[in-house]
Amino acid sequence: MAEKRIERVQTGVRIEKRILKVLKAVAAQHEISLGDLLEGILLHSLEGKSPFDAETLAFIEKMRSAYGLELTSADSQPRDEG
């Protein structure tokens, strides 16, 4: 089987600061980079799969509480400006 070509690029993205704190904590817990965590989350999501097991979800809830992250997926929806 041929090896898949993966080309990573440096990018700058804006993200809500409490979300970033939670993501960094999850990456640290798994001893991976933030970029690797984001790639994994996105690839799972694009396939309709959950990226986290029950243990990680429990950890995420603790981190959400610790950092005051009350946003939900509903908050990510585009809003009408008019």
C-alpha atoms as a PDB file:
ATOM      1  CA  MET A   1       0.000   0.000   0.000  1.00  0.00           C
ATOM      2  CA  ALA A   2       1.368   3.403  -0.978  1.00  0.00           C
ATOM      3  CA  GLU A   3       2.145   5.860   1.791  1.00  0.00           C
ATOM      4  CA  LYS A   4      -0.268   8.797   1.935  1.00  0.00           C
ATOM      5  CA  ARG A   5       1.210  12.195   1.280  1.00  0.00           C
ATOM      6  CA  ILE A   6       0.522  14.659   4.057  1.00  0.00           C
ATOM      7  CA  GLU A   7       1.522  18.286   3.590  1.00  0.00           C
ATOM      8  CA  ARG A   8       1.002  20.519   6.603  1.00  0.00           C
ATOM      9  CA  VAL A   9       1.049  24.312   6.459  1.00  0.00           C
ATOM     10  CA  GLN A  10       1.337  26.960   9.146  1.00  0.00           C
ATOM     11  CA  THR A  11      -1.846  28.995   9.512  1.00  0.00           C
ATOM     12  CA  GLY A  12      -3.241  31.683  11.725  1.00  0.00           C
ATOM     13  CA  VAL A  13      -6.820  31.272  12.872  1.00  0.00           C
ATOM     14  CA  ARG A  14      -8.951  33.197  15.329  1.00  0.00           C
ATOM     15  CA  ILE A  15     -10.578  31.135  18.047  1.00  0.00           C
ATOM     16  CA  GLU A  16     -12.444  31.950  21.240  1.00  0.00           C
ATOM     17  CA  LYS A  17      -9.894  32.005  24.072  1.00  0.00           C
ATOM     18  CA  ARG A  18     -11.700  29.606  26.441  1.00  0.00           C
ATOM     19  CA  ILE A  19     -12.124  27.081  23.636  1.00  0.00           C
ATOM     20  CA  LEU A  20      -8.396  27.323  22.991  1.00  0.00           C
ATOM     21  CA  LYS A  21      -7.613  26.725  26.683  1.00  0.00           C
ATOM     22  CA  VAL A  22      -9.778  23.586  26.704  1.00  0.00           C
ATOM     23  CA  LEU A  23      -8.209  22.314  23.468  1.00  0.00           C
ATOM     24  CA  LYS A  24      -4.691  22.885  24.799  1.00  0.00           C
ATOM     25  CA  ALA A  25      -5.566  20.982  27.975  1.00  0.00           C
ATOM     26  CA  VAL A  26      -6.929  18.041  25.971  1.00  0.00           C
ATOM     27  CA  ALA A  27      -3.840  18.021  23.728  1.00  0.00           C
ATOM     28  CA  ALA A  28      -1.572  18.066  26.793  1.00  0.00           C
ATOM     29  CA  GLN A  29      -3.538  15.223  28.398  1.00  0.00           C
ATOM     30  CA  HIS A  30      -2.951  13.107  25.281  1.00  0.00           C
ATOM     31  CA  GLU A  31       0.646  14.331  24.869  1.00  0.00           C
ATOM     32  CA  ILE A  32       0.049  15.563  21.330  1.00  0.00           C
ATOM     33  CA  SER A  33       0.302  18.948  19.667  1.00  0.00           C
ATOM     34  CA  LEU A  34      -2.658  21.260  19.326  1.00  0.00           C
ATOM     35  CA  GLY A  35      -2.414  20.877  15.539  1.00  0.00           C
ATOM     36  CA  ASP A  36      -2.552  17.077  15.767  1.00  0.00           C
ATOM     37  CA  LEU A  37      -5.573  17.305  18.077  1.00  0.00           C
ATOM     38  CA  LEU A  38      -7.402  19.637  15.701  1.00  0.00           C
ATOM     39  CA  GLU A  39      -6.620  17.420  12.696  1.00  0.00           C
ATOM     40  CA  GLY A  40      -7.970  14.389  14.561  1.00  0.00           C
ATOM     41  CA  ILE A  41     -11.158  16.204  15.629  1.00  0.00           C
ATOM     42  CA  LEU A  42     -11.802  17.438  12.109  1.00  0.00           C
ATOM     43  CA  LEU A  43     -11.094  14.136  10.377  1.00  0.00           C
ATOM     44  CA  HIS A  44     -13.424  12.297  12.776  1.00  0.00           C
ATOM     45  CA  SER A  45     -16.116  14.956  12.359  1.00  0.00           C
ATOM     46  CA  LEU A  46     -15.910  14.874   8.566  1.00  0.00           C
ATOM     47  CA  GLU A  47     -16.611  11.134   8.757  1.00  0.00           C
ATOM     48  CA  GLY A  48     -19.508  11.623  11.192  1.00  0.00           C
ATOM     49  CA  LYS A  49     -17.583   9.975  14.040  1.00  0.00           C
ATOM     50  CA  SER A  50     -17.041  11.150  17.594  1.00  0.00           C
ATOM     51  CA  PRO A  51     -13.370  12.003  18.161  1.00  0.00           C
ATOM     52  CA  PHE A  52     -13.472  11.415  21.936  1.00  0.00           C
ATOM     53  CA  ASP A  53     -14.009   8.455  24.240  1.00  0.00           C
ATOM     54  CA  ALA A  54     -15.988   8.709  27.504  1.00  0.00           C
ATOM     55  CA  GLU A  55     -12.873   9.404  29.599  1.00  0.00           C
ATOM     56  CA  THR A  56     -11.813  12.308  27.394  1.00  0.00           C
ATOM     57  CA  LEU A  57     -15.347  13.709  27.319  1.00  0.00           C
ATOM     58  CA  ALA A  58     -15.384  13.715  31.136  1.00  0.00           C
ATOM     59  CA  PHE A  59     -12.031  15.521  31.142  1.00  0.00           C
ATOM     60  CA  ILE A  60     -13.372  18.062  28.635  1.00  0.00           C
ATOM     61  CA  GLU A  61     -16.353  18.770  30.896  1.00  0.00           C
ATOM     62  CA  LYS A  62     -13.988  19.441  33.804  1.00  0.00           C
ATOM     63  CA  MET A  63     -11.928  21.797  31.656  1.00  0.00           C
ATOM     64  CA  ARG A  64     -15.041  23.570  30.328  1.00  0.00           C
ATOM     65  CA  SER A  65     -16.095  24.213  33.908  1.00  0.00           C
ATOM     66  CA  ALA A  66     -12.613  25.263  35.020  1.00  0.00           C
ATOM     67  CA  TYR A  67     -12.294  27.785  32.179  1.00  0.00           C
ATOM     68  CA  GLY A  68     -15.914  28.999  32.259  1.00  0.00           C
ATOM     69  CA  LEU A  69     -16.686  27.743  28.752  1.00  0.00           C
ATOM     70  CA  GLU A  70     -20.463  27.851  28.444  1.00  0.00           C
ATOM     71  CA  LEU A  71     -20.638  28.106  24.650  1.00  0.00           C
ATOM     72  CA  THR A  72     -22.318  25.245  22.784  1.00  0.00           C
ATOM     73  CA  SER A  73     -22.461  24.148  19.169  1.00  0.00           C
ATOM     74  CA  ALA A  74     -25.519  26.387  18.723  1.00  0.00           C
ATOM     75  CA  ASP A  75     -23.263  29.388  19.314  1.00  0.00           C
ATOM     76  CA  SER A  76     -21.209  28.553  16.216  1.00  0.00           C
ATOM     77  CA  GLN A  77     -24.047  29.154  13.773  1.00  0.00           C
ATOM     78  CA  PRO A  78     -23.844  32.190  11.480  1.00  0.00           C
ATOM     79  CA  ARG A  79     -26.082  35.030  12.599  1.00  0.00           C
ATOM     80  CA  ASP A  80     -28.066  37.418  10.452  1.00  0.00           C
ATOM     81  CA  GLU A  81     -26.524  40.863  10.726  1.00  0.00           C
ATOM     82  CA  GLY A  82     -29.644  42.660   9.564  1.00  0.00           C
END
